[in-house]
Amino acid sequence: KIDEASTASGGSAQGAEEAGAAAADLGARNVVEGLAQVKTQLDE
């Protein structure tokens, strides 16, 4: 179960990174910063 949670967390971090890239393309700086923080926390 811990391994499954770890895999899910890693996938969510990847999703946050991809969403951040999309937000950057739209010029949504605050969203990019928020998603960067989320990704960092998910990586941790």
PDB file of all heavy atoms in Angstrom:
ATOM      1  N   LYS A   1       0.832  -1.209   0.000  1.00  0.00           N
ATOM      2  CA  LYS A   1       0.000   0.000   0.000  1.00  0.00           C
ATOM      3  C   LYS A   1       0.870   1.263   0.000  1.00  0.00           C
ATOM      4  O   LYS A   1       0.554   2.248  -0.671  1.00  0.00           O
ATOM      5  CB  LYS A   1      -0.945  -0.010   1.190  1.00  0.00           C
ATOM      6  CG  LYS A   1      -2.058  -1.040   1.052  1.00  0.00           C
ATOM      7  CD  LYS A   1      -3.060  -0.920   2.171  1.00  0.00           C
ATOM      8  CE  LYS A   1      -4.104  -1.993   2.091  1.00  0.00           C
ATOM      9  NZ  LYS A   1      -4.966  -1.908   0.940  1.00  0.00           N
ATOM     10  N   ILE A   2       1.965   1.230   0.736  1.00  0.00           N
ATOM     11  CA  ILE A   2       2.880   2.377   0.760  1.00  0.00           C
ATOM     12  C   ILE A   2       3.494   2.569  -0.621  1.00  0.00           C
ATOM     13  O   ILE A   2       3.606   3.701  -1.110  1.00  0.00           O
ATOM     14  CB  ILE A   2       3.968   2.195   1.838  1.00  0.00           C
ATOM     15  CG1 ILE A   2       3.348   2.222   3.230  1.00  0.00           C
ATOM     16  CG2 ILE A   2       5.049   3.264   1.703  1.00  0.00           C
ATOM     17  CD1 ILE A   2       4.286   1.765   4.331  1.00  0.00           C
ATOM     18  N   ASP A   3       3.872   1.471  -1.268  1.00  0.00           N
ATOM     19  CA  ASP A   3       4.439   1.562  -2.617  1.00  0.00           C
ATOM     20  C   ASP A   3       3.423   2.138  -3.596  1.00  0.00           C
ATOM     21  O   ASP A   3       3.768   2.951  -4.455  1.00  0.00           O
ATOM     22  CB  ASP A   3       4.913   0.188  -3.099  1.00  0.00           C
ATOM     23  CG  ASP A   3       6.160  -0.293  -2.377  1.00  0.00           C
ATOM     24  OD1 ASP A   3       6.879   0.539  -1.770  1.00  0.00           O
ATOM     25  OD2 ASP A   3       6.428  -1.516  -2.415  1.00  0.00           O
ATOM     26  N   GLU A   4       2.163   1.716  -3.462  1.00  0.00           N
ATOM     27  CA  GLU A   4       1.105   2.258  -4.327  1.00  0.00           C
ATOM     28  C   GLU A   4       0.943   3.764  -4.098  1.00  0.00           C
ATOM     29  O   GLU A   4       0.785   4.530  -5.055  1.00  0.00           O
ATOM     30  CB  GLU A   4      -0.217   1.546  -4.065  1.00  0.00           C
ATOM     31  CG  GLU A   4      -0.254   0.112  -4.543  1.00  0.00           C
ATOM     32  CD  GLU A   4      -1.489  -0.634  -4.080  1.00  0.00           C
ATOM     33  OE1 GLU A   4      -2.387  -0.035  -3.438  1.00  0.00           O
ATOM     34  OE2 GLU A   4      -1.575  -1.848  -4.355  1.00  0.00           O
ATOM     35  N   ALA A   5       0.982   4.182  -2.853  1.00  0.00           N
ATOM     36  CA  ALA A   5       0.858   5.607  -2.531  1.00  0.00           C
ATOM     37  C   ALA A   5       2.040   6.389  -3.087  1.00  0.00           C
ATOM     38  O   ALA A   5       1.873   7.508  -3.601  1.00  0.00           O
ATOM     39  CB  ALA A   5       0.747   5.801  -1.020  1.00  0.00           C
ATOM     40  N   SER A   6       3.214   5.804  -3.010  1.00  0.00           N
ATOM     41  CA  SER A   6       4.411   6.451  -3.538  1.00  0.00           C
ATOM     42  C   SER A   6       4.301   6.635  -5.048  1.00  0.00           C
ATOM     43  O   SER A   6       4.608   7.703  -5.586  1.00  0.00           O
ATOM     44  CB  SER A   6       5.647   5.614  -3.192  1.00  0.00           C
ATOM     45  OG  SER A   6       6.799   6.176  -3.766  1.00  0.00           O
ATOM     46  N   THR A   7       3.831   5.597  -5.723  1.00  0.00           N
ATOM     47  CA  THR A   7       3.653   5.677  -7.176  1.00  0.00           C
ATOM     48  C   THR A   7       2.613   6.736  -7.539  1.00  0.00           C
ATOM     49  O   THR A   7       2.818   7.534  -8.461  1.00  0.00           O
ATOM     50  CB  THR A   7       3.235   4.299  -7.732  1.00  0.00           C
ATOM     51  OG1 THR A   7       4.270   3.352  -7.435  1.00  0.00           O
ATOM     52  CG2 THR A   7       3.008   4.340  -9.228  1.00  0.00           C
ATOM     53  N   ALA A   8       1.517   6.762  -6.801  1.00  0.00           N
ATOM     54  CA  ALA A   8       0.471   7.759  -7.058  1.00  0.00           C
ATOM     55  C   ALA A   8       0.991   9.169  -6.813  1.00  0.00           C
ATOM     56  O   ALA A   8       0.700  10.095  -7.586  1.00  0.00           O
ATOM     57  CB  ALA A   8      -0.750   7.479  -6.183  1.00  0.00           C
ATOM     58  N   SER A   9       1.760   9.339  -5.760  1.00  0.00           N
ATOM     59  CA  SER A   9       2.316  10.652  -5.448  1.00  0.00           C
ATOM     60  C   SER A   9       3.264  11.110  -6.548  1.00  0.00           C
ATOM     61  O   SER A   9       3.223  12.272  -6.973  1.00  0.00           O
ATOM     62  CB  SER A   9       3.044  10.597  -4.096  1.00  0.00           C
ATOM     63  OG  SER A   9       3.638  11.830  -3.803  1.00  0.00           O
ATOM     64  N   GLY A  10       4.090  10.195  -7.019  1.00  0.00           N
ATOM     65  CA  GLY A  10       5.005  10.526  -8.115  1.00  0.00           C
ATOM     66  C   GLY A  10       4.252  10.915  -9.381  1.00  0.00           C
ATOM     67  O   GLY A  10       4.621  11.858 -10.077  1.00  0.00           O
ATOM     68  N   GLY A  11       3.172  10.192  -9.670  1.00  0.00           N
ATOM     69  CA  GLY A  11       2.352  10.520 -10.825  1.00  0.00           C
ATOM     70  C   GLY A  11       1.676  11.871 -10.683  1.00  0.00           C
ATOM     71  O   GLY A  11       1.565  12.633 -11.649  1.00  0.00           O
ATOM     72  N   SER A  12       1.232  12.172  -9.473  1.00  0.00           N
ATOM     73  CA  SER A  12       0.610  13.472  -9.222  1.00  0.00           C
ATOM     74  C   SER A  12       1.617  14.602  -9.373  1.00  0.00           C
ATOM     75  O   SER A  12       1.292  15.674  -9.888  1.00  0.00           O
ATOM     76  CB  SER A  12      -0.006  13.506  -7.821  1.00  0.00           C
ATOM     77  OG  SER A  12      -1.069  12.585  -7.735  1.00  0.00           O
ATOM     78  N   ALA A  13       2.842  14.363  -8.939  1.00  0.00           N
ATOM     79  CA  ALA A  13       3.895  15.374  -9.092  1.00  0.00           C
ATOM     80  C   ALA A  13       4.150  15.637 -10.565  1.00  0.00           C
ATOM     81  O   ALA A  13       4.305  16.792 -10.982  1.00  0.00           O
ATOM     82  CB  ALA A  13       5.179  14.921  -8.391  1.00  0.00           C
ATOM     83  N   GLN A  14       4.162  14.577 -11.354  1.00  0.00           N
ATOM     84  CA  GLN A  14       4.343  14.724 -12.803  1.00  0.00           C
ATOM     85  C   GLN A  14       3.180  15.523 -13.394  1.00  0.00           C
ATOM     86  O   GLN A  14       3.374  16.404 -14.231  1.00  0.00           O
ATOM     87  CB  GLN A  14       4.448  13.352 -13.473  1.00  0.00           C
ATOM     88  CG  GLN A  14       4.624  13.407 -14.980  1.00  0.00           C
ATOM     89  CD  GLN A  14       5.926  14.037 -15.408  1.00  0.00           C
ATOM     90  OE1 GLN A  14       6.941  13.922 -14.740  1.00  0.00           O
ATOM     91  NE2 GLN A  14       5.896  14.729 -16.535  1.00  0.00           N
ATOM     92  N   GLY A  15       1.968  15.224 -12.936  1.00  0.00           N
ATOM     93  CA  GLY A  15       0.796  15.960 -13.404  1.00  0.00           C
ATOM     94  C   GLY A  15       0.871  17.436 -13.060  1.00  0.00           C
ATOM     95  O   GLY A  15       0.500  18.296 -13.871  1.00  0.00           O
ATOM     96  N   ALA A  16       1.348  17.728 -11.862  1.00  0.00           N
ATOM     97  CA  ALA A  16       1.496  19.126 -11.444  1.00  0.00           C
ATOM     98  C   ALA A  16       2.519  19.842 -12.317  1.00  0.00           C
ATOM     99  O   ALA A  16       2.332  21.004 -12.691  1.00  0.00           O
ATOM    100  CB  ALA A  16       1.899  19.202  -9.972  1.00  0.00           C
ATOM    101  N   GLU A  17       3.577  19.133 -12.660  1.00  0.00           N
ATOM    102  CA  GLU A  17       4.606  19.716 -13.520  1.00  0.00           C
ATOM    103  C   GLU A  17       4.037  20.013 -14.912  1.00  0.00           C
ATOM    104  O   GLU A  17       4.267  21.087 -15.480  1.00  0.00           O
ATOM    105  CB  GLU A  17       5.800  18.774 -13.629  1.00  0.00           C
ATOM    106  CG  GLU A  17       6.952  19.326 -14.432  1.00  0.00           C
ATOM    107  CD  GLU A  17       8.175  18.436 -14.411  1.00  0.00           C
ATOM    108  OE1 GLU A  17       8.081  17.265 -14.013  1.00  0.00           O
ATOM    109  OE2 GLU A  17       9.234  18.924 -14.815  1.00  0.00           O
ATOM    110  N   GLU A  18       3.274  19.071 -15.444  1.00  0.00           N
ATOM    111  CA  GLU A  18       2.673  19.268 -16.765  1.00  0.00           C
ATOM    112  C   GLU A  18       1.648  20.409 -16.746  1.00  0.00           C
ATOM    113  O   GLU A  18       1.593  21.215 -17.675  1.00  0.00           O
ATOM    114  CB  GLU A  18       2.027  17.964 -17.233  1.00  0.00           C
ATOM    115  CG  GLU A  18       3.049  16.890 -17.547  1.00  0.00           C
ATOM    116  CD  GLU A  18       2.430  15.511 -17.749  1.00  0.00           C
ATOM    117  OE1 GLU A  18       1.187  15.383 -17.721  1.00  0.00           O
ATOM    118  OE2 GLU A  18       3.212  14.560 -17.923  1.00  0.00           O
ATOM    119  N   ALA A  19       0.847  20.473 -15.694  1.00  0.00           N
ATOM    120  CA  ALA A  19      -0.126  21.561 -15.574  1.00  0.00           C
ATOM    121  C   ALA A  19       0.594  22.901 -15.444  1.00  0.00           C
ATOM    122  O   ALA A  19       0.142  23.923 -15.984  1.00  0.00           O
ATOM    123  CB  ALA A  19      -1.041  21.321 -14.373  1.00  0.00           C
ATOM    124  N   GLY A  20       1.713  22.901 -14.725  1.00  0.00           N
ATOM    125  CA  GLY A  20       2.502  24.122 -14.588  1.00  0.00           C
ATOM    126  C   GLY A  20       3.040  24.595 -15.927  1.00  0.00           C
ATOM    127  O   GLY A  20       3.054  25.804 -16.215  1.00  0.00           O
ATOM    128  N   ALA A  21       3.462  23.646 -16.744  1.00  0.00           N
ATOM    129  CA  ALA A  21       3.964  24.008 -18.079  1.00  0.00           C
ATOM    130  C   ALA A  21       2.847  24.602 -18.922  1.00  0.00           C
ATOM    131  O   ALA A  21       3.052  25.598 -19.637  1.00  0.00           O
ATOM    132  CB  ALA A  21       4.565  22.781 -18.762  1.00  0.00           C
ATOM    133  N   ALA A  22       1.661  24.024 -18.828  1.00  0.00           N
ATOM    134  CA  ALA A  22       0.519  24.565 -19.573  1.00  0.00           C
ATOM    135  C   ALA A  22       0.162  25.965 -19.069  1.00  0.00           C
ATOM    136  O   ALA A  22      -0.139  26.863 -19.856  1.00  0.00           O
ATOM    137  CB  ALA A  22      -0.682  23.630 -19.448  1.00  0.00           C
ATOM    138  N   ALA A  23       0.198  26.144 -17.749  1.00  0.00           N
ATOM    139  CA  ALA A  23      -0.104  27.459 -17.183  1.00  0.00           C
ATOM    140  C   ALA A  23       0.946  28.481 -17.610  1.00  0.00           C
ATOM    141  O   ALA A  23       0.617  29.647 -17.862  1.00  0.00           O
ATOM    142  CB  ALA A  23      -0.171  27.367 -15.655  1.00  0.00           C
ATOM    143  N   ALA A  24       2.201  28.046 -17.693  1.00  0.00           N
ATOM    144  CA  ALA A  24       3.262  28.958 -18.125  1.00  0.00           C
ATOM    145  C   ALA A  24       3.010  29.415 -19.560  1.00  0.00           C
ATOM    146  O   ALA A  24       3.223  30.585 -19.894  1.00  0.00           O
ATOM    147  CB  ALA A  24       4.623  28.272 -18.007  1.00  0.00           C
ATOM    148  N   ASP A  25       2.554  28.477 -20.399  1.00  0.00           N
ATOM    149  CA  ASP A  25       2.243  28.834 -21.787  1.00  0.00           C
ATOM    150  C   ASP A  25       1.134  29.886 -21.864  1.00  0.00           C
ATOM    151  O   ASP A  25       1.097  30.681 -22.790  1.00  0.00           O
ATOM    152  CB  ASP A  25       1.821  27.589 -22.581  1.00  0.00           C
ATOM    153  CG  ASP A  25       2.984  26.640 -22.838  1.00  0.00           C
ATOM    154  OD1 ASP A  25       4.154  27.057 -22.695  1.00  0.00           O
ATOM    155  OD2 ASP A  25       2.707  25.463 -23.179  1.00  0.00           O
ATOM    156  N   LEU A  26       0.248  29.870 -20.858  1.00  0.00           N
ATOM    157  CA  LEU A  26      -0.853  30.830 -20.818  1.00  0.00           C
ATOM    158  C   LEU A  26      -0.476  32.120 -20.090  1.00  0.00           C
ATOM    159  O   LEU A  26      -1.271  33.054 -20.020  1.00  0.00           O
ATOM    160  CB  LEU A  26      -2.081  30.204 -20.143  1.00  0.00           C
ATOM    161  CG  LEU A  26      -2.691  28.999 -20.863  1.00  0.00           C
ATOM    162  CD1 LEU A  26      -3.764  28.364 -20.000  1.00  0.00           C
ATOM    163  CD2 LEU A  26      -3.258  29.418 -22.214  1.00  0.00           C
ATOM    164  N   GLY A  27       0.734  32.131 -19.524  1.00  0.00           N
ATOM    165  CA  GLY A  27       1.190  33.322 -18.812  1.00  0.00           C
ATOM    166  C   GLY A  27       0.611  33.471 -17.420  1.00  0.00           C
ATOM    167  O   GLY A  27       0.606  34.566 -16.861  1.00  0.00           O
ATOM    168  N   ALA A  28       0.140  32.398 -16.855  1.00  0.00           N
ATOM    169  CA  ALA A  28      -0.474  32.430 -15.521  1.00  0.00           C
ATOM    170  C   ALA A  28       0.610  32.190 -14.466  1.00  0.00           C
ATOM    171  O   ALA A  28       0.764  31.093 -13.946  1.00  0.00           O
ATOM    172  CB  ALA A  28      -1.585  31.390 -15.424  1.00  0.00           C
ATOM    173  N   ARG A  29       1.335  33.238 -14.148  1.00  0.00           N
ATOM    174  CA  ARG A  29       2.496  33.117 -13.265  1.00  0.00           C
ATOM    175  C   ARG A  29       2.136  32.611 -11.869  1.00  0.00           C
ATOM    176  O   ARG A  29       2.843  31.773 -11.301  1.00  0.00           O
ATOM    177  CB  ARG A  29       3.197  34.470 -13.164  1.00  0.00           C
ATOM    178  CG  ARG A  29       4.463  34.404 -12.359  1.00  0.00           C
ATOM    179  CD  ARG A  29       5.213  35.704 -12.397  1.00  0.00           C
ATOM    180  NE  ARG A  29       6.433  35.561 -11.610  1.00  0.00           N
ATOM    181  CZ  ARG A  29       7.042  36.540 -11.027  1.00  0.00           C
ATOM    182  NH1 ARG A  29       6.578  37.759 -11.133  1.00  0.00           N
ATOM    183  NH2 ARG A  29       8.131  36.329 -10.332  1.00  0.00           N
ATOM    184  N   ASN A  30       1.060  33.106 -11.286  1.00  0.00           N
ATOM    185  CA  ASN A  30       0.671  32.670  -9.939  1.00  0.00           C
ATOM    186  C   ASN A  30       0.345  31.182  -9.907  1.00  0.00           C
ATOM    187  O   ASN A  30       0.674  30.482  -8.959  1.00  0.00           O
ATOM    188  CB  ASN A  30      -0.528  33.480  -9.428  1.00  0.00           C
ATOM    189  CG  ASN A  30      -0.164  34.908  -9.102  1.00  0.00           C
ATOM    190  OD1 ASN A  30       1.004  35.232  -8.881  1.00  0.00           O
ATOM    191  ND2 ASN A  30      -1.151  35.774  -9.073  1.00  0.00           N
ATOM    192  N   VAL A  31      -0.308  30.719 -10.959  1.00  0.00           N
ATOM    193  CA  VAL A  31      -0.642  29.295 -11.053  1.00  0.00           C
ATOM    194  C   VAL A  31       0.632  28.477 -11.168  1.00  0.00           C
ATOM    195  O   VAL A  31       0.776  27.432 -10.524  1.00  0.00           O
ATOM    196  CB  VAL A  31      -1.594  29.029 -12.249  1.00  0.00           C
ATOM    197  CG1 VAL A  31      -1.816  27.540 -12.444  1.00  0.00           C
ATOM    198  CG2 VAL A  31      -2.919  29.747 -12.049  1.00  0.00           C
ATOM    199  N   VAL A  32       1.562  28.948 -11.975  1.00  0.00           N
ATOM    200  CA  VAL A  32       2.836  28.249 -12.155  1.00  0.00           C
ATOM    201  C   VAL A  32       3.560  28.130 -10.820  1.00  0.00           C
ATOM    202  O   VAL A  32       4.045  27.047 -10.459  1.00  0.00           O
ATOM    203  CB  VAL A  32       3.734  28.973 -13.188  1.00  0.00           C
ATOM    204  CG1 VAL A  32       5.119  28.363 -13.228  1.00  0.00           C
ATOM    205  CG2 VAL A  32       3.088  28.948 -14.568  1.00  0.00           C
ATOM    206  N   GLU A  33       3.613  29.218 -10.064  1.00  0.00           N
ATOM    207  CA  GLU A  33       4.294  29.196  -8.767  1.00  0.00           C
ATOM    208  C   GLU A  33       3.597  28.245  -7.797  1.00  0.00           C
ATOM    209  O   GLU A  33       4.251  27.485  -7.085  1.00  0.00           O
ATOM    210  CB  GLU A  33       4.360  30.613  -8.188  1.00  0.00           C
ATOM    211  CG  GLU A  33       5.300  31.526  -8.949  1.00  0.00           C
ATOM    212  CD  GLU A  33       5.220  32.983  -8.496  1.00  0.00           C
ATOM    213  OE1 GLU A  33       4.466  33.295  -7.551  1.00  0.00           O
ATOM    214  OE2 GLU A  33       5.930  33.797  -9.104  1.00  0.00           O
ATOM    215  N   GLY A  34       2.270  28.267  -7.781  1.00  0.00           N
ATOM    216  CA  GLY A  34       1.519  27.376  -6.901  1.00  0.00           C
ATOM    217  C   GLY A  34       1.736  25.917  -7.261  1.00  0.00           C
ATOM    218  O   GLY A  34       1.936  25.066  -6.386  1.00  0.00           O
ATOM    219  N   LEU A  35       1.707  25.620  -8.549  1.00  0.00           N
ATOM    220  CA  LEU A  35       1.917  24.239  -8.984  1.00  0.00           C
ATOM    221  C   LEU A  35       3.354  23.785  -8.742  1.00  0.00           C
ATOM    222  O   LEU A  35       3.585  22.610  -8.459  1.00  0.00           O
ATOM    223  CB  LEU A  35       1.531  24.084 -10.456  1.00  0.00           C
ATOM    224  CG  LEU A  35       0.030  24.132 -10.724  1.00  0.00           C
ATOM    225  CD1 LEU A  35      -0.250  24.220 -12.223  1.00  0.00           C
ATOM    226  CD2 LEU A  35      -0.667  22.932 -10.115  1.00  0.00           C
ATOM    227  N   ALA A  36       4.296  24.696  -8.830  1.00  0.00           N
ATOM    228  CA  ALA A  36       5.686  24.349  -8.525  1.00  0.00           C
ATOM    229  C   ALA A  36       5.818  23.942  -7.059  1.00  0.00           C
ATOM    230  O   ALA A  36       6.524  22.982  -6.726  1.00  0.00           O
ATOM    231  CB  ALA A  36       6.613  25.511  -8.855  1.00  0.00           C
ATOM    232  N   GLN A  37       5.112  24.660  -6.191  1.00  0.00           N
ATOM    233  CA  GLN A  37       5.133  24.304  -4.768  1.00  0.00           C
ATOM    234  C   GLN A  37       4.470  22.949  -4.528  1.00  0.00           C
ATOM    235  O   GLN A  37       4.966  22.131  -3.757  1.00  0.00           O
ATOM    236  CB  GLN A  37       4.433  25.379  -3.937  1.00  0.00           C
ATOM    237  CG  GLN A  37       5.194  26.680  -3.864  1.00  0.00           C
ATOM    238  CD  GLN A  37       4.411  27.764  -3.133  1.00  0.00           C
ATOM    239  OE1 GLN A  37       3.254  27.582  -2.780  1.00  0.00           O
ATOM    240  NE2 GLN A  37       5.056  28.904  -2.912  1.00  0.00           N
ATOM    241  N   VAL A  38       3.359  22.714  -5.211  1.00  0.00           N
ATOM    242  CA  VAL A  38       2.668  21.429  -5.089  1.00  0.00           C
ATOM    243  C   VAL A  38       3.589  20.300  -5.551  1.00  0.00           C
ATOM    244  O   VAL A  38       3.708  19.267  -4.896  1.00  0.00           O
ATOM    245  CB  VAL A  38       1.349  21.440  -5.906  1.00  0.00           C
ATOM    246  CG1 VAL A  38       0.776  20.031  -6.034  1.00  0.00           C
ATOM    247  CG2 VAL A  38       0.335  22.370  -5.258  1.00  0.00           C
ATOM    248  N   LYS A  39       4.246  20.495  -6.687  1.00  0.00           N
ATOM    249  CA  LYS A  39       5.153  19.470  -7.204  1.00  0.00           C
ATOM    250  C   LYS A  39       6.272  19.188  -6.215  1.00  0.00           C
ATOM    251  O   LYS A  39       6.604  18.026  -5.950  1.00  0.00           O
ATOM    252  CB  LYS A  39       5.733  19.879  -8.549  1.00  0.00           C
ATOM    253  CG  LYS A  39       6.647  18.776  -9.109  1.00  0.00           C
ATOM    254  CD  LYS A  39       7.378  19.203 -10.344  1.00  0.00           C
ATOM    255  CE  LYS A  39       8.284  18.139 -10.892  1.00  0.00           C
ATOM    256  NZ  LYS A  39       9.187  17.495  -9.968  1.00  0.00           N
ATOM    257  N   THR A  40       6.844  20.232  -5.646  1.00  0.00           N
ATOM    258  CA  THR A  40       7.914  20.058  -4.671  1.00  0.00           C
ATOM    259  C   THR A  40       7.427  19.250  -3.470  1.00  0.00           C
ATOM    260  O   THR A  40       8.098  18.316  -3.023  1.00  0.00           O
ATOM    261  CB  THR A  40       8.455  21.431  -4.204  1.00  0.00           C
ATOM    262  OG1 THR A  40       9.004  22.109  -5.337  1.00  0.00           O
ATOM    263  CG2 THR A  40       9.518  21.278  -3.138  1.00  0.00           C
ATOM    264  N   GLN A  41       6.252  19.580  -2.988  1.00  0.00           N
ATOM    265  CA  GLN A  41       5.705  18.857  -1.833  1.00  0.00           C
ATOM    266  C   GLN A  41       5.399  17.408  -2.187  1.00  0.00           C
ATOM    267  O   GLN A  41       5.650  16.496  -1.384  1.00  0.00           O
ATOM    268  CB  GLN A  41       4.457  19.564  -1.312  1.00  0.00           C
ATOM    269  CG  GLN A  41       4.773  20.899  -0.660  1.00  0.00           C
ATOM    270  CD  GLN A  41       3.530  21.694  -0.307  1.00  0.00           C
ATOM    271  OE1 GLN A  41       2.451  21.443  -0.821  1.00  0.00           O
ATOM    272  NE2 GLN A  41       3.699  22.666   0.575  1.00  0.00           N
ATOM    273  N   LEU A  42       4.885  17.165  -3.370  1.00  0.00           N
ATOM    274  CA  LEU A  42       4.615  15.788  -3.791  1.00  0.00           C
ATOM    275  C   LEU A  42       5.906  14.994  -3.976  1.00  0.00           C
ATOM    276  O   LEU A  42       5.969  13.805  -3.643  1.00  0.00           O
ATOM    277  CB  LEU A  42       3.782  15.778  -5.072  1.00  0.00           C
ATOM    278  CG  LEU A  42       2.315  16.168  -4.895  1.00  0.00           C
ATOM    279  CD1 LEU A  42       1.660  16.427  -6.248  1.00  0.00           C
ATOM    280  CD2 LEU A  42       1.565  15.098  -4.120  1.00  0.00           C
ATOM    281  N   ASP A  43       6.933  15.644  -4.505  1.00  0.00           N
ATOM    282  CA  ASP A  43       8.232  14.971  -4.633  1.00  0.00           C
ATOM    283  C   ASP A  43       8.774  14.589  -3.258  1.00  0.00           C
ATOM    284  O   ASP A  43       9.300  13.487  -3.067  1.00  0.00           O
ATOM    285  CB  ASP A  43       9.242  15.867  -5.359  1.00  0.00           C
ATOM    286  CG  ASP A  43       8.997  15.966  -6.859  1.00  0.00           C
ATOM    287  OD1 ASP A  43       8.309  15.073  -7.416  1.00  0.00           O
ATOM    288  OD2 ASP A  43       9.490  16.928  -7.470  1.00  0.00           O
ATOM    289  N   GLU A  44       8.633  15.499  -2.292  1.00  0.00           N
ATOM    290  CA  GLU A  44       9.086  15.212  -0.925  1.00  0.00           C
ATOM    291  C   GLU A  44       8.284  14.066  -0.313  1.00  0.00           C
ATOM    292  O   GLU A  44       8.844  13.183   0.342  1.00  0.00           O
ATOM    293  CB  GLU A  44       8.984  16.469  -0.058  1.00  0.00           C
ATOM    294  CG  GLU A  44       9.981  17.548  -0.436  1.00  0.00           C
ATOM    295  CD  GLU A  44       9.727  18.877   0.270  1.00  0.00           C
ATOM    296  OE1 GLU A  44       8.748  19.002   1.038  1.00  0.00           O
ATOM    297  OE2 GLU A  44      10.515  19.812   0.033  1.00  0.00           O
TER     298      GLU A  44
END
